[in-house]
Amino acid sequence: MWSDLKAHFGTVKDQRFEMLVDEARAEAFSVEINDMRLDYAKTNINAEGRALLIDLLDAAGVAEKRDQMFAGAKINETEGRAVLHTALRNLDGGPVMVDEDDVMPSVLQTLDRMSAFAASVRDGSFTGQGGKITDVINIGIGGSDLGPAMAVLALAPYHDGPCCHFVSNVDPADIADTLRKCDPATTLVIVASKTFTTIETMTNARTALAWMGEAVDTPGDQFAALSTAEDKITAFGIASERVFGFEDWVGGRYSMWGPIGLSLMIAIGPDAFKSFLRGGQAMDRHFQAAAWDENMPALLALVGIWHNQVCRHATRAVLPYDNNLSRLPAYLQQLEMESNGKGVSMDGADLSVPSGPVVWGEPGTNGQHAFYQLIHQGTRVIPCEFLVAARGHEDELHHQHQLLVANCLAQSEALMRGRTLDEARAKVAGTFEGDELERQARHRVFPGNRPSVTLTYPKLTPFVFGQIIALYEHRVFVEGVVLGINSYDQWGVELGKELATALQPVVEGNETADGKDGSTAALVDYLQKHGV
């Protein structure tokens, strides 16, 4: 399959795809679901290439693996776990079985408990010890931070609850800066750690507990826990009615649909949160039912595979023209790179093709004045993914939103069309002459023929946002199955954590650096001399 795709790429790699993008191609190489449209016409994927890519899905058994995932099979084989973040948004679907037990009653019960607690915080019936909660601090790291932090910002127009803050870095500046903004008597602290042992999270949690203890009599009464470690939570002083657990079949980077999304639910309210869940559920149903050539997650995955594994473009830029989605690229970095940043397949053999790409990006139009220079005229091709809404939330500034949309569409057009040397010469002909005209013109040439996809939607509502996140989750799943890897473990994070634990007593001066490499030992010595 890979050899067929490589051979096909050889026939299209030098073709100018701007010559292909007529109205018919625009329709044939796009897909819509619930008014959301994915356009991948501005790529060099043609009908033959798409057919070969779809053959990859069938050869890898993506449909069978998809059905196994939704049915609760333990497709996370290295850890022996099911992968069921989809169950967290299965609001009115059927039973979901894990080890012959239906998990849905527990999922829905937890959602109801979360909703009741969030409502009590929002309406003031959960008073704290200062009369009313005005601020919420979510302490987590990785998926326990990136997801809800990104989502609270994304749905800021619907945020009518307490002010939400997010602390993740063990750097003391992170929590110190946050605590300075809050009053301990009117602050709720949410500690998000499945095991209640994550060193960064628990270090910050103890700092927050001490801070609150200086101002209130029973600081644990203003803490909630997103965890299953009941004994550790009790020892910390958090009552069971403020504990919301989730199972090991929910991976951290896929977890904001459940208890990890508590801060989001408090910010936007239970009803809007359920609309977010329904958006995810709608994308789930589409992914399960649509034919591959009309299946948005599958097609987005195949575009990514074409660009990364076939064309060998090593990075992918995610460029939301939606300021509320400014944290989406960072969220997708974890989702994609922690999921598919693997070097071996399920059977332990080395991969024969590159694994996941480097994912990065910033919101437009800021990026246009920063790194777009490299995207347009640099020597490496960087496939781009644009996101833009037809309307913003600021109706009184709709003309400004139209300017934003124009910029988004212009960038994808410019990447495709480029500017020839003749066009560049004509542009500067009245200013320069002779050799200088030629030199100046060459600086204004744009190679073009650079691929992009564009995801458009009417407006960034909770429902649409749920669709977007589920779309990218399923894209990662499809890419992982095609590559033959496990997208749901993350052993790559372990080694550095183990070494950090061993290095801490060395840094503190309680052990020597004997046995460490020369560079590490010298760095420890330098930092100790300067006060670490």
Protein backbone atom coordinates (compact mmCIF):
# COMPACT_ATOMS: atom_id res chain seq x y z
CA MET A 1 0.00 0.00 0.00
CA TRP A 2 2.72 2.46 0.98
CA SER A 3 4.68 1.66 -2.20
CA ASP A 4 1.59 2.32 -4.34
CA LEU A 5 1.09 5.68 -2.64
CA LYS A 6 4.75 6.57 -3.05
CA ALA A 7 4.58 5.74 -6.75
CA HIS A 8 1.43 7.79 -7.14
CA PHE A 9 3.03 10.73 -5.33
CA GLY A 10 5.79 10.68 -7.93
CA THR A 11 3.20 11.40 -10.62
CA VAL A 12 1.60 14.39 -8.87
CA LYS A 13 4.32 16.01 -6.76
CA ASP A 14 5.21 18.60 -9.42
CA GLN A 15 1.67 19.27 -10.60
CA ARG A 16 0.33 22.74 -9.84
CA PHE A 17 -2.85 21.94 -7.98
CA GLU A 18 -4.16 25.49 -8.30
CA MET A 19 -4.97 24.48 -11.88
CA LEU A 20 -7.27 21.76 -10.53
CA VAL A 21 -9.34 23.79 -8.09
CA ASP A 22 -12.50 24.55 -9.98
CA GLU A 23 -16.04 24.47 -8.62
CA ALA A 24 -16.40 20.75 -9.24
CA ARG A 25 -13.23 19.92 -7.35
CA ALA A 26 -14.24 22.20 -4.49
CA GLU A 27 -17.35 20.07 -4.02
CA ALA A 28 -15.71 16.70 -4.64
CA PHE A 29 -12.92 17.39 -2.17
CA SER A 30 -14.94 18.69 0.74
CA VAL A 31 -17.36 17.17 3.22
CA GLU A 32 -20.09 18.64 5.44
CA ILE A 33 -21.73 17.53 8.69
CA ASN A 34 -24.18 19.62 10.74
CA ASP A 35 -23.21 22.78 8.81
CA MET A 36 -19.49 22.20 9.43
CA ARG A 37 -17.44 22.01 6.23
CA LEU A 38 -13.97 20.53 5.71
CA ASP A 39 -12.35 21.66 2.44
CA TYR A 40 -9.25 19.76 1.30
CA ALA A 41 -9.34 20.85 -2.33
CA LYS A 42 -6.15 22.92 -1.93
CA THR A 43 -3.93 19.81 -1.81
CA ASN A 44 -2.42 17.61 -4.50
CA ILE A 45 -4.67 14.70 -3.52
CA ASN A 46 -6.66 13.66 -6.58
CA ALA A 47 -9.34 11.00 -7.01
CA GLU A 48 -6.78 8.25 -7.57
CA GLY A 49 -4.76 9.30 -4.55
CA ARG A 50 -7.84 9.44 -2.37
CA ALA A 51 -8.82 5.94 -3.47
CA LEU A 52 -5.35 4.65 -2.59
CA LEU A 53 -5.55 6.34 0.80
CA ILE A 54 -8.94 4.81 1.48
CA ASP A 55 -7.42 1.43 0.63
CA LEU A 56 -5.10 2.04 3.60
CA LEU A 57 -8.12 2.26 5.90
CA ASP A 58 -9.49 -1.04 4.69
CA ALA A 59 -6.11 -2.78 4.80
CA ALA A 60 -5.52 -1.60 8.38
CA GLY A 61 -9.01 -2.66 9.51
CA VAL A 62 -9.95 0.82 10.69
CA ALA A 63 -13.69 0.09 10.61
CA GLU A 64 -13.29 -3.03 12.74
CA LYS A 65 -11.00 -1.23 15.20
CA ARG A 66 -13.42 1.69 15.38
CA ASP A 67 -16.30 -0.63 16.22
CA GLN A 68 -14.18 -2.36 18.86
CA MET A 69 -13.35 1.00 20.46
CA PHE A 70 -16.98 2.08 20.72
CA ALA A 71 -17.95 -1.36 22.03
CA GLY A 72 -15.48 -1.22 24.93
CA ALA A 73 -12.83 -3.65 23.64
CA LYS A 74 -9.38 -3.23 25.19
CA ILE A 75 -7.72 -1.68 22.17
CA ASN A 76 -5.07 -0.07 24.41
CA GLU A 77 -3.18 -3.33 24.29
CA THR A 78 0.03 -2.29 26.03
CA GLU A 79 -1.92 -1.29 29.15
CA GLY A 80 -4.81 -3.73 28.77
CA ARG A 81 -7.48 -1.02 28.80
CA ALA A 82 -10.56 -0.04 26.87
CA VAL A 83 -10.62 3.38 25.21
CA LEU A 84 -13.99 4.92 26.03
CA HIS A 85 -13.85 8.68 26.23
CA THR A 86 -16.74 8.42 23.73
CA ALA A 87 -18.88 6.92 26.52
CA LEU A 88 -18.60 10.20 28.45
CA ARG A 89 -20.63 11.93 25.73
CA ASN A 90 -22.99 9.01 25.01
CA LEU A 91 -25.92 10.92 26.49
CA ASP A 92 -28.73 9.00 24.88
CA GLY A 93 -27.03 6.04 23.25
CA GLY A 94 -27.24 2.42 24.29
CA PRO A 95 -25.23 0.44 26.84
CA VAL A 96 -21.42 0.40 26.65
CA MET A 97 -19.91 -2.78 28.02
CA VAL A 98 -16.51 -3.21 29.70
CA ASP A 99 -15.77 -6.62 31.17
CA GLU A 100 -19.49 -7.49 30.85
CA ASP A 101 -20.55 -4.42 32.87
CA ASP A 102 -22.51 -1.51 31.38
CA VAL A 103 -20.54 1.63 32.25
CA MET A 104 -23.24 4.09 31.20
CA PRO A 105 -25.22 4.21 34.48
CA SER A 106 -22.06 5.25 36.33
CA VAL A 107 -21.11 7.77 33.62
CA LEU A 108 -24.52 9.43 33.71
CA GLN A 109 -24.65 9.40 37.51
CA THR A 110 -21.29 11.17 37.67
CA LEU A 111 -22.49 13.70 35.10
CA ASP A 112 -25.57 14.39 37.23
CA ARG A 113 -23.41 14.84 40.34
CA MET A 114 -21.11 17.20 38.48
CA SER A 115 -24.11 19.17 37.20
CA ALA A 116 -25.58 19.53 40.68
CA PHE A 117 -22.27 20.64 42.17
CA ALA A 118 -21.55 23.07 39.33
CA ALA A 119 -25.02 24.56 39.70
CA SER A 120 -24.51 25.01 43.45
CA VAL A 121 -21.24 26.85 42.87
CA ARG A 122 -22.77 29.03 40.17
CA ASP A 123 -25.94 29.97 42.06
CA GLY A 124 -24.17 30.59 45.37
CA SER A 125 -25.72 27.75 47.36
CA PHE A 126 -22.20 26.37 47.73
CA THR A 127 -20.97 29.37 49.64
CA GLY A 128 -17.48 28.45 50.64
CA GLN A 129 -16.38 30.34 53.71
CA GLY A 130 -16.61 33.77 52.13
CA GLY A 131 -20.27 33.80 51.16
CA LYS A 132 -19.94 32.99 47.44
CA ILE A 133 -17.34 31.43 45.13
CA THR A 134 -15.92 34.05 42.79
CA ASP A 135 -12.87 32.15 41.50
CA VAL A 136 -12.04 28.56 40.58
CA ILE A 137 -8.46 27.31 40.36
CA ASN A 138 -7.96 24.07 38.44
CA ILE A 139 -4.68 22.38 39.37
CA GLY A 140 -3.59 19.66 36.98
CA ILE A 141 -1.07 18.94 34.24
CA GLY A 142 -1.17 17.53 30.73
CA GLY A 143 -4.68 16.43 29.83
CA SER A 144 -5.92 17.53 33.24
CA ASP A 145 -4.98 21.09 32.34
CA LEU A 146 -4.68 21.61 28.59
CA GLY A 147 -8.19 20.43 27.80
CA PRO A 148 -10.23 22.48 30.27
CA ALA A 149 -7.94 25.52 29.99
CA MET A 150 -8.33 25.50 26.23
CA ALA A 151 -12.08 24.87 26.44
CA VAL A 152 -12.85 27.62 28.96
CA LEU A 153 -11.14 30.10 26.66
CA ALA A 154 -12.80 28.66 23.55
CA LEU A 155 -16.26 29.09 25.07
CA ALA A 156 -15.56 32.43 26.75
CA PRO A 157 -18.69 34.01 25.21
CA TYR A 158 -20.74 31.51 27.23
CA HIS A 159 -18.74 31.96 30.43
CA ASP A 160 -21.14 33.39 33.01
CA GLY A 161 -19.84 31.57 36.12
CA PRO A 162 -16.91 32.23 38.46
CA CYS A 163 -13.58 33.27 37.02
CA CYS A 164 -11.48 30.21 36.15
CA HIS A 165 -7.72 29.95 36.54
CA PHE A 166 -5.44 27.07 35.57
CA VAL A 167 -2.19 26.02 37.23
CA SER A 168 -0.03 23.25 35.81
CA ASN A 169 3.66 24.11 35.94
CA VAL A 170 5.66 23.06 38.99
CA ASP A 171 7.56 26.32 38.55
CA PRO A 172 6.41 28.19 41.69
CA ALA A 173 5.79 31.31 39.62
CA ASP A 174 2.76 29.65 38.04
CA ILE A 175 0.82 29.07 41.24
CA ALA A 176 2.15 32.15 43.02
CA ASP A 177 0.94 34.41 40.21
CA THR A 178 -2.47 32.75 40.28
CA LEU A 179 -2.95 32.84 44.05
CA ARG A 180 -2.19 36.56 44.11
CA LYS A 181 -5.28 37.15 41.95
CA CYS A 182 -7.67 35.31 44.27
CA ASP A 183 -9.24 35.62 47.72
CA PRO A 184 -8.90 32.29 49.58
CA ALA A 185 -12.28 32.77 51.27
CA THR A 186 -14.08 32.91 47.91
CA THR A 187 -11.99 30.47 45.89
CA LEU A 188 -12.72 26.86 44.99
CA VAL A 189 -9.65 24.73 44.18
CA ILE A 190 -10.07 21.69 41.94
CA VAL A 191 -7.26 19.13 42.10
CA ALA A 192 -7.19 16.99 38.96
CA SER A 193 -5.07 13.85 39.32
CA LYS A 194 -6.43 10.37 38.75
CA THR A 195 -3.96 8.79 41.20
CA PHE A 196 -3.56 11.87 43.42
CA THR A 197 0.19 11.32 43.18
CA THR A 198 1.23 13.36 40.12
CA ILE A 199 4.19 15.24 41.55
CA GLU A 200 3.62 18.58 39.82
CA THR A 201 -0.10 18.61 40.60
CA MET A 202 0.22 17.52 44.22
CA THR A 203 3.07 19.96 44.90
CA ASN A 204 0.87 22.81 43.65
CA ALA A 205 -2.15 21.43 45.52
CA ARG A 206 -0.27 21.44 48.84
CA THR A 207 0.86 25.01 48.16
CA ALA A 208 -2.77 26.03 47.53
CA LEU A 209 -3.92 24.21 50.67
CA ALA A 210 -1.37 26.06 52.80
CA TRP A 211 -2.37 29.38 51.21
CA MET A 212 -6.04 28.77 51.92
CA GLY A 213 -5.28 27.51 55.44
CA GLU A 214 -3.84 30.90 56.35
CA ALA A 215 -7.24 32.53 55.79
CA VAL A 216 -9.97 29.94 56.49
CA ASP A 217 -10.53 27.42 59.26
CA THR A 218 -11.12 24.29 57.18
CA PRO A 219 -9.37 24.74 53.84
CA GLY A 220 -10.30 21.28 52.60
CA ASP A 221 -13.92 22.39 52.48
CA GLN A 222 -13.11 24.57 49.48
CA PHE A 223 -11.35 21.85 47.53
CA ALA A 224 -12.78 19.35 45.05
CA ALA A 225 -10.93 16.34 43.64
CA LEU A 226 -11.08 14.74 40.20
CA SER A 227 -9.59 11.40 41.15
CA THR A 228 -10.26 7.81 42.16
CA ALA A 229 -7.70 7.63 45.00
CA GLU A 230 -10.22 7.82 47.86
CA ASP A 231 -7.77 7.22 50.72
CA LYS A 232 -5.39 9.94 49.55
CA ILE A 233 -8.24 12.37 48.97
CA THR A 234 -9.63 11.77 52.46
CA ALA A 235 -6.18 12.30 53.98
CA PHE A 236 -5.97 15.59 52.06
CA GLY A 237 -9.20 16.76 53.72
CA ILE A 238 -11.65 16.67 50.80
CA ALA A 239 -15.12 15.28 51.52
CA SER A 240 -16.54 12.54 49.29
CA GLU A 241 -19.40 14.70 47.98
CA ARG A 242 -16.79 16.85 46.21
CA VAL A 243 -14.92 13.92 44.64
CA PHE A 244 -15.59 12.98 41.02
CA GLY A 245 -13.80 9.91 39.74
CA PHE A 246 -13.22 8.52 36.27
CA GLU A 247 -12.11 5.11 35.08
CA ASP A 248 -8.82 3.96 33.61
CA TRP A 249 -10.48 3.68 30.18
CA VAL A 250 -10.41 7.48 29.97
CA GLY A 251 -6.99 8.75 28.93
CA GLY A 252 -5.84 12.10 30.28
CA ARG A 253 -5.73 13.89 26.95
CA TYR A 254 -9.22 12.63 26.14
CA SER A 255 -10.75 13.37 29.54
CA MET A 256 -12.38 16.81 29.50
CA TRP A 257 -15.73 15.25 28.49
CA GLY A 258 -16.05 13.95 32.06
CA PRO A 259 -14.95 15.10 35.53
CA ILE A 260 -11.81 16.79 34.17
CA GLY A 261 -14.25 19.20 32.52
CA LEU A 262 -15.71 20.30 35.86
CA SER A 263 -14.10 23.75 35.65
CA LEU A 264 -15.61 24.18 32.18
CA MET A 265 -19.02 23.14 33.47
CA ILE A 266 -18.79 25.65 36.31
CA ALA A 267 -17.78 28.36 33.84
CA ILE A 268 -20.50 27.84 31.22
CA GLY A 269 -23.16 25.91 33.14
CA PRO A 270 -24.42 22.32 32.95
CA ASP A 271 -26.76 22.96 30.00
CA ALA A 272 -24.04 24.44 27.78
CA PHE A 273 -21.65 21.68 28.89
CA LYS A 274 -24.19 19.06 27.78
CA SER A 275 -24.46 20.85 24.44
CA PHE A 276 -20.69 20.44 24.14
CA LEU A 277 -21.12 16.71 24.87
CA ARG A 278 -23.84 16.46 22.24
CA GLY A 279 -21.54 18.00 19.68
CA GLY A 280 -18.99 15.30 20.41
CA GLN A 281 -21.69 12.63 20.24
CA ALA A 282 -22.85 13.94 16.85
CA MET A 283 -19.33 13.59 15.48
CA ASP A 284 -19.11 10.08 16.98
CA ARG A 285 -22.23 9.03 15.14
CA HIS A 286 -21.01 10.53 11.88
CA PHE A 287 -17.66 8.75 12.27
CA GLN A 288 -19.41 5.45 12.87
CA ALA A 289 -21.92 5.72 10.01
CA ALA A 290 -20.44 7.71 7.12
CA ALA A 291 -18.73 6.07 4.15
CA TRP A 292 -15.00 6.74 4.07
CA ASP A 293 -15.21 9.21 1.17
CA GLU A 294 -17.77 11.25 3.16
CA ASN A 295 -16.33 10.68 6.63
CA MET A 296 -14.84 13.88 8.02
CA PRO A 297 -12.49 12.39 10.65
CA ALA A 298 -11.27 9.72 8.22
CA LEU A 299 -10.63 12.24 5.45
CA LEU A 300 -8.83 14.65 7.78
CA ALA A 301 -6.66 11.73 8.92
CA LEU A 302 -5.94 10.68 5.33
CA VAL A 303 -4.90 14.22 4.40
CA GLY A 304 -2.51 14.16 7.36
CA ILE A 305 -1.14 10.75 6.35
CA TRP A 306 -0.69 11.90 2.76
CA HIS A 307 1.28 14.96 3.82
CA ASN A 308 3.36 13.35 6.57
CA GLN A 309 3.94 9.71 5.68
CA VAL A 310 3.74 10.00 1.87
CA CYS A 311 4.95 13.53 1.02
CA ARG A 312 7.26 13.50 4.09
CA HIS A 313 6.31 16.96 5.31
CA ALA A 314 7.41 16.70 8.94
CA THR A 315 5.29 19.41 10.54
CA ARG A 316 1.68 20.54 10.54
CA ALA A 317 0.57 24.10 11.34
CA VAL A 318 -2.85 24.55 12.98
CA LEU A 319 -4.04 28.10 12.39
CA PRO A 320 -7.38 29.04 13.97
CA TYR A 321 -8.76 32.34 12.77
CA ASP A 322 -10.72 32.46 15.99
CA ASN A 323 -9.05 34.09 18.97
CA ASN A 324 -11.09 31.99 21.38
CA LEU A 325 -9.33 28.94 19.91
CA SER A 326 -5.88 30.37 20.62
CA ARG A 327 -5.00 27.40 22.86
CA LEU A 328 -6.22 24.80 20.37
CA PRO A 329 -2.78 24.30 18.72
CA ALA A 330 -1.22 23.54 22.12
CA TYR A 331 -4.06 21.16 22.94
CA LEU A 332 -3.62 19.39 19.61
CA GLN A 333 0.12 19.16 20.19
CA GLN A 334 -0.55 16.88 23.11
CA LEU A 335 -3.43 15.05 21.48
CA GLU A 336 -1.43 14.23 18.35
CA MET A 337 2.15 14.06 19.54
CA GLU A 338 1.57 12.15 22.77
CA SER A 339 -0.83 9.79 21.02
CA ASN A 340 1.07 9.07 17.81
CA GLY A 341 4.63 10.02 18.70
CA LYS A 342 5.69 6.37 18.74
CA GLY A 343 8.55 4.48 17.10
CA VAL A 344 7.25 0.91 17.20
CA SER A 345 4.06 -0.79 16.07
CA MET A 346 1.72 -2.85 18.24
CA ASP A 347 3.89 -5.95 17.77
CA GLY A 348 7.03 -4.10 18.86
CA ALA A 349 8.55 -3.84 15.36
CA ASP A 350 10.09 -0.59 14.16
CA LEU A 351 7.80 1.60 12.09
CA SER A 352 8.55 1.59 8.37
CA VAL A 353 7.20 5.13 7.88
CA PRO A 354 7.44 8.30 10.01
CA SER A 355 5.15 8.50 13.03
CA GLY A 356 3.07 11.55 13.90
CA PRO A 357 4.11 15.03 12.72
CA VAL A 358 5.25 17.99 14.77
CA VAL A 359 2.09 20.00 15.44
CA TRP A 360 2.30 23.72 16.12
CA GLY A 361 0.53 26.98 15.44
CA GLU A 362 -0.97 30.21 16.68
CA PRO A 363 -4.18 32.07 15.93
CA GLY A 364 -4.46 34.29 12.87
CA THR A 365 -3.94 37.09 12.18
CA ASN A 366 -1.11 37.24 14.73
CA GLY A 367 0.80 34.48 13.00
CA GLN A 368 0.77 36.37 9.71
CA HIS A 369 3.16 38.87 11.28
CA ALA A 370 5.37 36.16 12.77
CA PHE A 371 6.00 32.74 11.20
CA TYR A 372 3.93 32.88 7.98
CA GLN A 373 7.06 34.17 6.27
CA LEU A 374 8.60 30.69 6.68
CA ILE A 375 5.39 28.99 5.57
CA HIS A 376 5.17 31.02 2.36
CA GLN A 377 8.81 31.37 1.28
CA GLY A 378 10.84 28.93 3.37
CA THR A 379 12.51 25.88 1.85
CA ARG A 380 10.31 23.33 3.67
CA VAL A 381 6.69 22.71 2.83
CA ILE A 382 4.45 23.06 5.89
CA PRO A 383 0.87 21.83 5.40
CA CYS A 384 -1.57 24.20 7.09
CA GLU A 385 -4.95 23.68 8.72
CA PHE A 386 -7.13 26.78 8.92
CA LEU A 387 -10.24 27.08 11.11
CA VAL A 388 -12.71 29.94 10.79
CA ALA A 389 -16.33 30.71 11.70
CA ALA A 390 -18.81 32.47 9.42
CA ARG A 391 -19.81 34.68 12.34
CA GLY A 392 -18.21 35.78 15.57
CA HIS A 393 -19.94 36.57 18.82
CA GLU A 394 -19.46 40.33 18.50
CA ASP A 395 -22.31 41.22 16.15
CA GLU A 396 -21.61 44.92 16.47
CA LEU A 397 -18.13 44.27 15.00
CA HIS A 398 -19.20 41.96 12.19
CA HIS A 399 -17.33 44.08 9.62
CA GLN A 400 -14.13 43.34 11.57
CA HIS A 401 -14.96 39.64 11.55
CA GLN A 402 -15.35 39.83 7.78
CA LEU A 403 -11.80 41.20 7.60
CA LEU A 404 -10.66 38.22 9.69
CA VAL A 405 -12.37 35.78 7.31
CA ALA A 406 -10.85 37.54 4.30
CA ASN A 407 -7.40 37.14 5.81
CA CYS A 408 -7.96 33.44 6.47
CA LEU A 409 -9.15 32.69 2.94
CA ALA A 410 -6.42 34.86 1.43
CA GLN A 411 -3.69 32.93 3.22
CA SER A 412 -4.82 29.56 1.91
CA GLU A 413 -5.20 31.03 -1.58
CA ALA A 414 -1.73 32.58 -1.41
CA LEU A 415 -0.19 29.29 -0.28
CA MET A 416 -1.78 27.57 -3.27
CA ARG A 417 -1.23 30.20 -5.98
CA GLY A 418 2.09 31.74 -5.03
CA ARG A 419 3.64 34.41 -7.22
CA THR A 420 5.75 33.72 -10.29
CA LEU A 421 8.96 35.54 -11.17
CA ASP A 422 7.22 37.28 -14.08
CA GLU A 423 4.51 38.50 -11.72
CA ALA A 424 7.15 39.69 -9.27
CA ARG A 425 9.00 41.55 -12.02
CA ALA A 426 5.82 43.32 -13.05
CA LYS A 427 5.19 44.33 -9.46
CA VAL A 428 8.53 46.17 -9.08
CA ALA A 429 9.12 47.21 -12.70
CA GLY A 430 8.30 50.83 -12.07
CA THR A 431 10.67 51.10 -9.12
CA PHE A 432 13.79 49.18 -10.19
CA GLU A 433 15.66 48.52 -13.41
CA GLY A 434 18.17 46.05 -14.81
CA ASP A 435 19.98 43.69 -12.46
CA GLU A 436 18.47 45.37 -9.42
CA LEU A 437 14.98 44.76 -10.78
CA GLU A 438 15.82 41.08 -11.18
CA ARG A 439 17.27 40.83 -7.68
CA GLN A 440 14.33 42.60 -6.07
CA ALA A 441 11.84 40.51 -8.04
CA ARG A 442 13.36 37.24 -6.86
CA HIS A 443 12.78 38.29 -3.24
CA ARG A 444 9.09 38.67 -4.04
CA VAL A 445 8.57 35.24 -5.58
CA PHE A 446 6.25 32.86 -3.70
CA PRO A 447 6.65 29.19 -4.70
CA GLY A 448 2.98 28.43 -4.06
CA ASN A 449 1.67 24.89 -4.50
CA ARG A 450 1.68 24.59 -0.74
CA PRO A 451 -1.18 22.56 0.70
CA SER A 452 -3.83 23.53 3.20
CA VAL A 453 -7.20 22.42 4.48
CA THR A 454 -9.89 24.70 5.87
CA LEU A 455 -12.50 23.83 8.50
CA THR A 456 -15.42 26.26 8.52
CA TYR A 457 -18.48 26.42 10.75
CA PRO A 458 -21.32 28.88 11.34
CA LYS A 459 -20.29 30.01 14.85
CA LEU A 460 -18.19 28.61 17.71
CA THR A 461 -20.97 27.35 19.97
CA PRO A 462 -20.57 24.63 22.62
CA PHE A 463 -22.09 22.12 20.17
CA VAL A 464 -19.73 23.09 17.34
CA PHE A 465 -16.78 23.08 19.72
CA GLY A 466 -17.68 19.54 20.78
CA GLN A 467 -17.73 18.51 17.13
CA ILE A 468 -14.30 20.02 16.52
CA ILE A 469 -12.63 18.28 19.46
CA ALA A 470 -14.21 14.90 18.64
CA LEU A 471 -13.18 15.37 15.00
CA TYR A 472 -9.53 15.71 15.96
CA GLU A 473 -9.73 12.83 18.45
CA HIS A 474 -11.02 10.48 15.77
CA ARG A 475 -8.45 11.78 13.31
CA VAL A 476 -5.72 10.71 15.75
CA PHE A 477 -7.38 7.30 16.14
CA VAL A 478 -7.49 6.71 12.38
CA GLU A 479 -3.88 7.78 11.89
CA GLY A 480 -2.77 5.49 14.72
CA VAL A 481 -4.60 2.45 13.36
CA VAL A 482 -3.18 3.01 9.87
CA LEU A 483 0.32 3.27 11.33
CA GLY A 484 -0.29 0.17 13.46
CA ILE A 485 0.59 1.90 16.72
CA ASN A 486 -1.11 2.30 20.10
CA SER A 487 -2.39 5.88 20.29
CA TYR A 488 -3.49 5.50 23.92
CA ASP A 489 -0.34 4.87 25.94
CA GLN A 490 2.44 7.41 26.61
CA TRP A 491 5.52 5.60 27.81
CA GLY A 492 7.62 8.41 26.38
CA VAL A 493 6.81 10.61 29.37
CA GLU A 494 8.13 8.12 31.92
CA LEU A 495 11.92 8.20 31.62
CA GLY A 496 12.33 11.91 32.28
CA LYS A 497 10.01 11.68 35.31
CA GLU A 498 12.01 8.77 36.73
CA LEU A 499 15.30 10.62 36.26
CA ALA A 500 13.85 13.80 37.81
CA THR A 501 12.89 11.84 40.93
CA ALA A 502 16.45 10.50 41.16
CA LEU A 503 17.97 13.94 40.54
CA GLN A 504 15.95 15.85 43.12
CA PRO A 505 18.10 14.83 46.13
CA VAL A 506 21.21 15.64 44.08
CA VAL A 507 19.89 19.11 43.26
CA GLU A 508 18.93 19.62 46.92
CA GLY A 509 22.48 18.74 47.97
CA ASN A 510 21.51 15.60 49.90
CA GLU A 511 23.30 13.28 47.48
CA THR A 512 26.35 13.62 45.26
CA ALA A 513 26.27 13.65 41.47
CA ASP A 514 28.43 10.53 41.33
CA GLY A 515 27.34 8.34 38.46
CA LYS A 516 25.82 11.18 36.50
CA ASP A 517 27.25 12.16 33.11
CA GLY A 518 29.72 15.01 33.06
CA SER A 519 27.33 17.51 31.54
CA THR A 520 24.55 16.89 34.08
CA ALA A 521 26.99 16.93 36.99
CA ALA A 522 28.49 20.23 35.80
CA LEU A 523 25.05 21.79 35.39
CA VAL A 524 24.06 20.74 38.91
CA ASP A 525 27.30 22.22 40.25
CA TYR A 526 26.69 25.52 38.45
CA LEU A 527 23.09 25.80 39.65
CA GLN A 528 24.04 24.98 43.24
CA LYS A 529 26.72 27.65 43.19
CA HIS A 530 24.06 30.14 42.14
CA GLY A 531 21.56 29.23 44.80
CA VAL A 532 19.38 26.37 43.62
